[in-house]
Amino acid sequence: MRVQCLLMIVFLGTLTATAQDWQACKPEGDYSFNDVKAAVHRVTSSRMYSGWDQKTFNRSGDLVAVAVLKTLDDSEMASPESANFVLLIVRMAFDCPQYCVKVTDDRRPRMTLLLLEHLNEITGGKMKAEIEEAKLFILEQASKANCQMEGIIYANGVPIRFCTKG
């Protein structure tokens, strides 16, 4: 009886030890959601960032928007200074999605675009120009990430950018 109880405890212990929080899971070569949240908190609270933070954001893509929403409440994001740091963070997240972000779904800025709309609402439209500029940058970077082949052709001296999707 004692042996069976001991075996049951060991079995249940291994089950709970192997179970992980999804936020701690790390895709191959990337950072966990907890790492991204910690970087967002560090950058927005200290008002500066390191190369490690930049690398974390570069490799996370759209996951950064979720981390921002989970880390900061609306009153924190509403100040112009905080909003500028949020814009900086999401721009870093889409600096090189085609090469840096390994999780394909995070190369598309679905949550990031929602975050930018929300940021515009809570700042009362005071930062509309900066938000639109960031949005255009992110959309351009995301479109590059979904290209199999891209380039520029010239028609009558006018450059035309093309992208073939795979």
N, C-alpha and C. Protein backbone atom coordinates (compact mmCIF):
# COMPACT_ATOMS: atom_id res chain seq x y z
N MET A 1 0.82 -1.20 0.00
CA MET A 1 0.00 0.00 0.00
C MET A 1 0.86 1.26 0.00
N ARG A 2 1.89 1.23 0.85
CA ARG A 2 2.78 2.39 0.92
C ARG A 2 3.50 2.62 -0.42
N VAL A 3 3.90 1.55 -1.05
CA VAL A 3 4.60 1.65 -2.33
C VAL A 3 3.68 2.24 -3.38
N GLN A 4 2.43 1.81 -3.39
CA GLN A 4 1.47 2.34 -4.35
C GLN A 4 1.22 3.83 -4.12
N CYS A 5 1.09 4.22 -2.87
CA CYS A 5 0.91 5.65 -2.56
C CYS A 5 2.12 6.45 -2.98
N LEU A 6 3.29 5.92 -2.72
CA LEU A 6 4.52 6.61 -3.10
C LEU A 6 4.62 6.75 -4.62
N LEU A 7 4.28 5.67 -5.32
CA LEU A 7 4.31 5.73 -6.78
C LEU A 7 3.29 6.74 -7.32
N MET A 8 2.13 6.81 -6.70
CA MET A 8 1.10 7.76 -7.12
C MET A 8 1.58 9.19 -6.89
N ILE A 9 2.21 9.45 -5.77
CA ILE A 9 2.73 10.79 -5.48
C ILE A 9 3.81 11.17 -6.47
N VAL A 10 4.71 10.25 -6.76
CA VAL A 10 5.77 10.52 -7.74
C VAL A 10 5.15 10.78 -9.12
N PHE A 11 4.17 9.99 -9.50
CA PHE A 11 3.51 10.17 -10.80
C PHE A 11 2.82 11.53 -10.88
N LEU A 12 2.06 11.89 -9.85
CA LEU A 12 1.38 13.18 -9.85
C LEU A 12 2.38 14.34 -9.79
N GLY A 13 3.47 14.13 -9.09
CA GLY A 13 4.50 15.16 -9.02
C GLY A 13 5.15 15.41 -10.37
N THR A 14 5.38 14.36 -11.13
CA THR A 14 5.97 14.55 -12.46
C THR A 14 4.99 15.22 -13.41
N LEU A 15 3.70 14.92 -13.25
CA LEU A 15 2.70 15.58 -14.10
C LEU A 15 2.65 17.08 -13.84
N THR A 16 2.68 17.47 -12.58
CA THR A 16 2.62 18.90 -12.28
C THR A 16 3.93 19.59 -12.60
N ALA A 17 5.02 18.88 -12.50
CA ALA A 17 6.32 19.48 -12.81
C ALA A 17 6.46 19.74 -14.31
N THR A 18 5.90 18.86 -15.13
CA THR A 18 6.03 19.04 -16.57
C THR A 18 5.01 20.01 -17.13
N ALA A 19 3.92 20.25 -16.41
CA ALA A 19 2.90 21.21 -16.88
C ALA A 19 3.47 22.61 -16.72
N GLN A 20 3.35 23.41 -17.78
CA GLN A 20 3.88 24.76 -17.75
C GLN A 20 2.79 25.75 -18.10
N ASP A 21 3.01 26.95 -17.64
CA ASP A 21 2.15 28.05 -18.02
C ASP A 21 2.46 28.38 -19.48
N TRP A 22 1.45 28.61 -20.31
CA TRP A 22 1.69 28.90 -21.74
C TRP A 22 2.54 30.14 -21.91
N GLN A 23 2.49 31.05 -20.93
CA GLN A 23 3.25 32.28 -21.05
C GLN A 23 4.75 32.05 -20.90
N ALA A 24 5.12 30.92 -20.32
CA ALA A 24 6.54 30.62 -20.15
C ALA A 24 7.10 29.82 -21.31
N CYS A 25 6.24 29.35 -22.22
CA CYS A 25 6.70 28.57 -23.36
C CYS A 25 7.50 29.45 -24.32
N LYS A 26 8.56 28.90 -24.84
CA LYS A 26 9.40 29.65 -25.76
C LYS A 26 9.46 28.91 -27.10
N PRO A 27 8.99 29.56 -28.18
CA PRO A 27 9.21 28.97 -29.49
C PRO A 27 10.71 28.92 -29.77
N GLU A 28 11.12 28.06 -30.64
CA GLU A 28 12.53 27.87 -30.92
C GLU A 28 13.22 29.20 -31.27
N GLY A 29 14.20 29.57 -30.46
CA GLY A 29 14.99 30.77 -30.73
C GLY A 29 14.31 32.07 -30.37
N ASP A 30 13.17 32.02 -29.69
CA ASP A 30 12.46 33.23 -29.36
C ASP A 30 12.35 33.41 -27.85
N TYR A 31 11.60 34.41 -27.47
CA TYR A 31 11.41 34.74 -26.07
C TYR A 31 10.01 34.34 -25.64
N SER A 32 9.86 34.06 -24.35
CA SER A 32 8.54 33.74 -23.85
C SER A 32 7.73 35.02 -23.70
N PHE A 33 6.44 34.84 -23.54
CA PHE A 33 5.56 35.98 -23.34
C PHE A 33 5.95 36.73 -22.07
N ASN A 34 6.35 35.98 -21.04
CA ASN A 34 6.79 36.62 -19.80
C ASN A 34 8.03 37.48 -20.02
N ASP A 35 8.94 37.03 -20.88
CA ASP A 35 10.13 37.84 -21.21
C ASP A 35 9.73 39.14 -21.90
N VAL A 36 8.78 39.04 -22.82
CA VAL A 36 8.34 40.23 -23.56
C VAL A 36 7.63 41.20 -22.61
N LYS A 37 6.77 40.68 -21.75
CA LYS A 37 6.09 41.54 -20.76
C LYS A 37 7.10 42.23 -19.84
N ALA A 38 8.10 41.50 -19.40
CA ALA A 38 9.13 42.08 -18.53
C ALA A 38 9.88 43.19 -19.24
N ALA A 39 10.18 42.99 -20.53
CA ALA A 39 10.88 44.02 -21.30
C ALA A 39 9.99 45.26 -21.48
N VAL A 40 8.71 45.05 -21.74
CA VAL A 40 7.77 46.18 -21.87
C VAL A 40 7.72 46.96 -20.56
N HIS A 41 7.60 46.25 -19.46
CA HIS A 41 7.53 46.91 -18.16
C HIS A 41 8.82 47.69 -17.87
N ARG A 42 9.96 47.05 -18.15
CA ARG A 42 11.26 47.69 -17.90
C ARG A 42 11.41 48.96 -18.72
N VAL A 43 11.07 48.91 -19.98
CA VAL A 43 11.25 50.06 -20.87
C VAL A 43 10.28 51.18 -20.51
N THR A 44 9.03 50.84 -20.25
CA THR A 44 8.06 51.90 -19.96
C THR A 44 8.24 52.50 -18.58
N SER A 45 8.77 51.75 -17.65
CA SER A 45 8.96 52.31 -16.30
C SER A 45 10.29 53.04 -16.17
N SER A 46 11.33 52.56 -16.81
CA SER A 46 12.64 53.22 -16.70
C SER A 46 12.85 54.30 -17.75
N ARG A 47 12.01 54.28 -18.80
CA ARG A 47 12.10 55.25 -19.91
C ARG A 47 13.41 55.14 -20.68
N MET A 48 13.96 53.93 -20.73
CA MET A 48 15.14 53.66 -21.56
C MET A 48 15.14 52.17 -21.88
N TYR A 49 15.91 51.80 -22.89
CA TYR A 49 15.95 50.40 -23.28
C TYR A 49 17.37 49.99 -23.59
N SER A 50 17.61 48.69 -23.49
CA SER A 50 18.93 48.14 -23.78
C SER A 50 18.87 47.37 -25.10
N GLY A 51 20.01 46.91 -25.52
CA GLY A 51 20.05 46.08 -26.71
C GLY A 51 19.29 44.78 -26.53
N TRP A 52 19.28 44.27 -25.29
CA TRP A 52 18.53 43.04 -25.00
C TRP A 52 17.04 43.28 -25.19
N ASP A 53 16.57 44.44 -24.72
CA ASP A 53 15.15 44.77 -24.90
C ASP A 53 14.81 44.88 -26.37
N GLN A 54 15.66 45.57 -27.11
CA GLN A 54 15.43 45.74 -28.54
C GLN A 54 15.39 44.38 -29.25
N LYS A 55 16.30 43.51 -28.89
CA LYS A 55 16.34 42.18 -29.49
C LYS A 55 15.07 41.39 -29.14
N THR A 56 14.61 41.53 -27.90
CA THR A 56 13.38 40.86 -27.49
C THR A 56 12.20 41.34 -28.33
N PHE A 57 12.09 42.64 -28.51
CA PHE A 57 10.99 43.19 -29.30
C PHE A 57 11.12 42.80 -30.77
N ASN A 58 12.34 42.88 -31.33
CA ASN A 58 12.55 42.52 -32.73
C ASN A 58 12.11 41.10 -33.04
N ARG A 59 12.31 40.20 -32.12
CA ARG A 59 11.99 38.79 -32.36
C ARG A 59 10.56 38.42 -32.01
N SER A 60 9.81 39.38 -31.43
CA SER A 60 8.48 39.05 -30.95
C SER A 60 7.35 39.47 -31.87
N GLY A 61 7.53 40.50 -32.68
CA GLY A 61 6.49 40.92 -33.61
C GLY A 61 5.20 41.30 -32.92
N ASP A 62 4.10 40.74 -33.39
CA ASP A 62 2.77 41.11 -32.91
C ASP A 62 2.54 40.74 -31.44
N LEU A 63 3.31 39.83 -30.92
CA LEU A 63 3.19 39.45 -29.52
C LEU A 63 3.45 40.65 -28.60
N VAL A 64 4.22 41.60 -29.07
CA VAL A 64 4.53 42.80 -28.27
C VAL A 64 3.25 43.57 -27.94
N ALA A 65 2.33 43.67 -28.87
CA ALA A 65 1.09 44.40 -28.62
C ALA A 65 0.29 43.77 -27.49
N VAL A 66 0.24 42.47 -27.45
CA VAL A 66 -0.45 41.77 -26.37
C VAL A 66 0.26 42.04 -25.05
N ALA A 67 1.58 42.01 -25.06
CA ALA A 67 2.35 42.28 -23.84
C ALA A 67 2.11 43.71 -23.34
N VAL A 68 2.03 44.67 -24.27
CA VAL A 68 1.77 46.06 -23.88
C VAL A 68 0.40 46.16 -23.22
N LEU A 69 -0.60 45.54 -23.83
CA LEU A 69 -1.96 45.61 -23.29
C LEU A 69 -2.07 44.90 -21.94
N LYS A 70 -1.30 43.84 -21.74
CA LYS A 70 -1.33 43.12 -20.47
C LYS A 70 -0.51 43.83 -19.38
N THR A 71 0.46 44.64 -19.78
CA THR A 71 1.37 45.27 -18.83
C THR A 71 0.90 46.65 -18.40
N LEU A 72 0.39 47.44 -19.36
CA LEU A 72 0.02 48.82 -19.07
C LEU A 72 -1.49 48.99 -19.08
N ASP A 73 -2.00 49.78 -18.15
CA ASP A 73 -3.42 50.09 -18.22
C ASP A 73 -3.59 51.40 -19.01
N ASP A 74 -4.83 51.73 -19.30
CA ASP A 74 -5.12 52.89 -20.16
C ASP A 74 -4.56 54.19 -19.60
N SER A 75 -4.64 54.37 -18.29
CA SER A 75 -4.15 55.62 -17.71
C SER A 75 -2.64 55.75 -17.87
N GLU A 76 -1.93 54.63 -17.82
CA GLU A 76 -0.48 54.67 -18.04
C GLU A 76 -0.14 54.97 -19.50
N MET A 77 -0.89 54.40 -20.41
CA MET A 77 -0.61 54.61 -21.84
C MET A 77 -1.06 55.98 -22.34
N ALA A 78 -1.96 56.63 -21.64
CA ALA A 78 -2.56 57.87 -22.13
C ALA A 78 -1.61 59.06 -22.12
N SER A 79 -0.60 59.04 -21.28
CA SER A 79 0.32 60.18 -21.27
C SER A 79 1.15 60.19 -22.55
N PRO A 80 1.45 61.38 -23.07
CA PRO A 80 2.23 61.45 -24.32
C PRO A 80 3.58 60.74 -24.24
N GLU A 81 4.23 60.85 -23.09
CA GLU A 81 5.54 60.21 -22.94
C GLU A 81 5.42 58.69 -23.02
N SER A 82 4.44 58.12 -22.31
CA SER A 82 4.24 56.68 -22.36
C SER A 82 3.78 56.23 -23.75
N ALA A 83 2.92 57.00 -24.36
CA ALA A 83 2.45 56.66 -25.70
C ALA A 83 3.61 56.64 -26.69
N ASN A 84 4.55 57.57 -26.54
CA ASN A 84 5.73 57.56 -27.41
C ASN A 84 6.57 56.31 -27.20
N PHE A 85 6.69 55.86 -25.95
CA PHE A 85 7.44 54.63 -25.71
C PHE A 85 6.71 53.41 -26.26
N VAL A 86 5.38 53.41 -26.18
CA VAL A 86 4.61 52.31 -26.77
C VAL A 86 4.83 52.30 -28.28
N LEU A 87 4.82 53.46 -28.91
CA LEU A 87 5.06 53.53 -30.36
C LEU A 87 6.47 53.05 -30.70
N LEU A 88 7.45 53.43 -29.87
CA LEU A 88 8.82 52.97 -30.08
C LEU A 88 8.90 51.45 -29.99
N ILE A 89 8.24 50.90 -28.99
CA ILE A 89 8.27 49.45 -28.78
C ILE A 89 7.65 48.71 -29.97
N VAL A 90 6.48 49.16 -30.44
CA VAL A 90 5.85 48.44 -31.55
C VAL A 90 6.63 48.64 -32.85
N ARG A 91 7.28 49.77 -33.00
CA ARG A 91 8.13 49.95 -34.19
C ARG A 91 9.31 48.99 -34.15
N MET A 92 9.90 48.82 -32.96
CA MET A 92 11.01 47.86 -32.83
C MET A 92 10.53 46.44 -33.13
N ALA A 93 9.29 46.14 -32.75
CA ALA A 93 8.74 44.80 -32.97
C ALA A 93 8.61 44.48 -34.46
N PHE A 94 8.50 45.52 -35.27
CA PHE A 94 8.34 45.30 -36.72
C PHE A 94 9.50 45.87 -37.53
N ASP A 95 10.67 46.01 -36.90
CA ASP A 95 11.85 46.48 -37.63
C ASP A 95 12.26 45.50 -38.73
N CYS A 96 12.22 44.22 -38.44
CA CYS A 96 12.63 43.23 -39.45
C CYS A 96 11.83 41.94 -39.29
N PRO A 97 10.53 42.00 -39.48
CA PRO A 97 9.73 40.79 -39.24
C PRO A 97 10.08 39.62 -40.15
N GLN A 98 10.49 39.89 -41.37
CA GLN A 98 10.77 38.80 -42.30
C GLN A 98 11.99 37.98 -41.89
N TYR A 99 12.92 38.58 -41.16
CA TYR A 99 14.14 37.87 -40.77
C TYR A 99 14.19 37.57 -39.27
N CYS A 100 13.66 38.45 -38.45
CA CYS A 100 13.81 38.33 -37.00
C CYS A 100 12.72 37.52 -36.32
N VAL A 101 11.48 37.66 -36.77
CA VAL A 101 10.35 37.01 -36.10
C VAL A 101 10.18 35.61 -36.69
N LYS A 102 10.40 34.60 -35.85
CA LYS A 102 10.32 33.22 -36.33
C LYS A 102 8.90 32.68 -36.37
N VAL A 103 8.05 33.17 -35.48
CA VAL A 103 6.65 32.71 -35.46
C VAL A 103 5.91 33.46 -36.56
N THR A 104 5.51 32.75 -37.59
CA THR A 104 4.91 33.36 -38.78
C THR A 104 3.69 34.21 -38.46
N ASP A 105 2.84 33.76 -37.57
CA ASP A 105 1.64 34.54 -37.22
C ASP A 105 1.98 35.88 -36.59
N ASP A 106 3.10 35.96 -35.90
CA ASP A 106 3.49 37.21 -35.26
C ASP A 106 4.10 38.21 -36.24
N ARG A 107 4.25 37.83 -37.49
CA ARG A 107 4.73 38.77 -38.51
C ARG A 107 3.61 39.66 -39.03
N ARG A 108 2.37 39.28 -38.74
CA ARG A 108 1.20 40.07 -39.16
C ARG A 108 0.75 40.93 -37.98
N PRO A 109 0.54 42.21 -38.19
CA PRO A 109 0.27 43.13 -37.08
C PRO A 109 -1.21 43.25 -36.69
N ARG A 110 -1.88 42.15 -36.51
CA ARG A 110 -3.31 42.21 -36.18
C ARG A 110 -3.55 42.90 -34.84
N MET A 111 -2.96 42.41 -33.78
CA MET A 111 -3.13 43.02 -32.45
C MET A 111 -2.47 44.39 -32.38
N THR A 112 -1.40 44.56 -33.09
CA THR A 112 -0.70 45.85 -33.07
C THR A 112 -1.56 46.95 -33.67
N LEU A 113 -2.27 46.65 -34.74
CA LEU A 113 -3.16 47.66 -35.34
C LEU A 113 -4.30 48.00 -34.39
N LEU A 114 -4.82 47.02 -33.68
CA LEU A 114 -5.86 47.29 -32.69
C LEU A 114 -5.30 48.13 -31.54
N LEU A 115 -4.08 47.83 -31.13
CA LEU A 115 -3.43 48.62 -30.08
C LEU A 115 -3.26 50.07 -30.52
N LEU A 116 -2.86 50.28 -31.76
CA LEU A 116 -2.67 51.65 -32.25
C LEU A 116 -3.99 52.41 -32.29
N GLU A 117 -5.06 51.75 -32.70
CA GLU A 117 -6.39 52.40 -32.68
C GLU A 117 -6.79 52.76 -31.26
N HIS A 118 -6.56 51.85 -30.35
CA HIS A 118 -6.89 52.08 -28.94
C HIS A 118 -6.04 53.22 -28.38
N LEU A 119 -4.78 53.25 -28.73
CA LEU A 119 -3.88 54.31 -28.27
C LEU A 119 -4.35 55.67 -28.77
N ASN A 120 -4.82 55.72 -30.00
CA ASN A 120 -5.35 56.96 -30.55
C ASN A 120 -6.59 57.42 -29.76
N GLU A 121 -7.44 56.46 -29.40
CA GLU A 121 -8.65 56.81 -28.63
C GLU A 121 -8.31 57.33 -27.24
N ILE A 122 -7.43 56.64 -26.53
CA ILE A 122 -7.16 57.03 -25.14
C ILE A 122 -6.31 58.29 -25.03
N THR A 123 -5.59 58.63 -26.09
CA THR A 123 -4.83 59.89 -26.06
C THR A 123 -5.68 61.04 -26.58
N GLY A 124 -6.92 60.76 -26.93
CA GLY A 124 -7.82 61.82 -27.41
C GLY A 124 -7.44 62.36 -28.77
N GLY A 125 -6.75 61.58 -29.56
CA GLY A 125 -6.36 62.01 -30.90
C GLY A 125 -5.20 62.98 -30.92
N LYS A 126 -4.60 63.26 -29.75
CA LYS A 126 -3.49 64.22 -29.69
C LYS A 126 -2.24 63.72 -30.40
N MET A 127 -2.13 62.41 -30.53
CA MET A 127 -0.94 61.83 -31.15
C MET A 127 -1.27 61.15 -32.46
N LYS A 128 -2.32 61.61 -33.10
CA LYS A 128 -2.80 60.98 -34.33
C LYS A 128 -1.71 60.89 -35.40
N ALA A 129 -0.93 61.94 -35.59
CA ALA A 129 0.11 61.95 -36.63
C ALA A 129 1.18 60.91 -36.33
N GLU A 130 1.63 60.85 -35.09
CA GLU A 130 2.67 59.88 -34.72
C GLU A 130 2.16 58.45 -34.84
N ILE A 131 0.91 58.24 -34.45
CA ILE A 131 0.32 56.91 -34.53
C ILE A 131 0.15 56.48 -35.98
N GLU A 132 -0.29 57.39 -36.83
CA GLU A 132 -0.45 57.08 -38.27
C GLU A 132 0.90 56.77 -38.91
N GLU A 133 1.92 57.50 -38.52
CA GLU A 133 3.27 57.26 -39.06
C GLU A 133 3.76 55.86 -38.65
N ALA A 134 3.54 55.51 -37.38
CA ALA A 134 3.93 54.19 -36.91
C ALA A 134 3.13 53.10 -37.62
N LYS A 135 1.84 53.35 -37.82
CA LYS A 135 0.98 52.39 -38.50
C LYS A 135 1.45 52.13 -39.92
N LEU A 136 1.78 53.19 -40.64
CA LEU A 136 2.27 53.03 -42.01
C LEU A 136 3.57 52.25 -42.05
N PHE A 137 4.48 52.55 -41.12
CA PHE A 137 5.75 51.84 -41.04
C PHE A 137 5.51 50.35 -40.79
N ILE A 138 4.64 50.05 -39.84
CA ILE A 138 4.37 48.66 -39.48
C ILE A 138 3.72 47.91 -40.64
N LEU A 139 2.78 48.53 -41.31
CA LEU A 139 2.12 47.88 -42.45
C LEU A 139 3.10 47.63 -43.59
N GLU A 140 3.99 48.58 -43.82
CA GLU A 140 5.00 48.39 -44.86
C GLU A 140 5.94 47.25 -44.51
N GLN A 141 6.39 47.21 -43.27
CA GLN A 141 7.29 46.14 -42.84
C GLN A 141 6.59 44.78 -42.91
N ALA A 142 5.34 44.74 -42.50
CA ALA A 142 4.59 43.48 -42.53
C ALA A 142 4.37 43.00 -43.96
N SER A 143 4.16 43.93 -44.87
CA SER A 143 3.96 43.51 -46.26
C SER A 143 5.25 42.92 -46.83
N LYS A 144 6.39 43.45 -46.41
CA LYS A 144 7.67 42.88 -46.84
C LYS A 144 7.87 41.48 -46.29
N ALA A 145 7.38 41.25 -45.08
CA ALA A 145 7.55 39.95 -44.43
C ALA A 145 6.77 38.86 -45.14
N ASN A 146 5.71 39.22 -45.84
CA ASN A 146 4.88 38.24 -46.52
C ASN A 146 5.24 38.08 -47.99
N CYS A 147 6.34 38.68 -48.41
CA CYS A 147 6.78 38.57 -49.80
C CYS A 147 7.72 37.39 -49.96
N GLN A 148 7.56 36.68 -51.06
CA GLN A 148 8.54 35.66 -51.42
C GLN A 148 9.66 36.33 -52.21
N MET A 149 9.28 37.26 -53.04
CA MET A 149 10.27 37.98 -53.83
C MET A 149 9.78 39.42 -53.97
N GLU A 150 10.67 40.35 -53.72
CA GLU A 150 10.28 41.74 -53.86
C GLU A 150 11.36 42.49 -54.61
N GLY A 151 10.99 43.61 -55.16
CA GLY A 151 11.95 44.41 -55.89
C GLY A 151 11.29 45.66 -56.44
N ILE A 152 12.04 46.35 -57.25
CA ILE A 152 11.54 47.58 -57.88
C ILE A 152 11.77 47.46 -59.37
N ILE A 153 10.74 47.74 -60.12
CA ILE A 153 10.88 47.81 -61.57
C ILE A 153 10.62 49.26 -61.98
N TYR A 154 11.14 49.63 -63.10
CA TYR A 154 10.98 51.00 -63.58
C TYR A 154 10.15 51.00 -64.85
N ALA A 155 9.08 51.78 -64.83
CA ALA A 155 8.23 51.94 -66.00
C ALA A 155 8.26 53.42 -66.37
N ASN A 156 8.88 53.73 -67.50
CA ASN A 156 9.03 55.12 -67.95
C ASN A 156 9.73 55.98 -66.90
N GLY A 157 10.73 55.40 -66.26
CA GLY A 157 11.50 56.14 -65.27
C GLY A 157 10.86 56.24 -63.90
N VAL A 158 9.68 55.67 -63.73
CA VAL A 158 8.98 55.73 -62.44
C VAL A 158 9.20 54.40 -61.72
N PRO A 159 9.75 54.45 -60.49
CA PRO A 159 9.96 53.19 -59.77
C PRO A 159 8.63 52.63 -59.24
N ILE A 160 8.44 51.33 -59.46
CA ILE A 160 7.25 50.64 -58.98
C ILE A 160 7.71 49.45 -58.15
N ARG A 161 7.32 49.45 -56.90
CA ARG A 161 7.68 48.36 -56.01
C ARG A 161 6.75 47.18 -56.26
N PHE A 162 7.32 45.97 -56.32
CA PHE A 162 6.47 44.80 -56.48
C PHE A 162 6.80 43.76 -55.41
N CYS A 163 5.83 42.91 -55.18
CA CYS A 163 5.94 41.87 -54.18
C CYS A 163 5.16 40.67 -54.68
N THR A 164 5.81 39.53 -54.75
CA THR A 164 5.07 38.32 -55.12
C THR A 164 4.87 37.50 -53.86
N LYS A 165 3.65 37.14 -53.60
CA LYS A 165 3.31 36.38 -52.40
C LYS A 165 3.36 34.90 -52.74
N GLY A 166 3.80 34.14 -51.75
CA GLY A 166 3.94 32.70 -51.96
C GLY A 166 2.77 31.90 -51.54
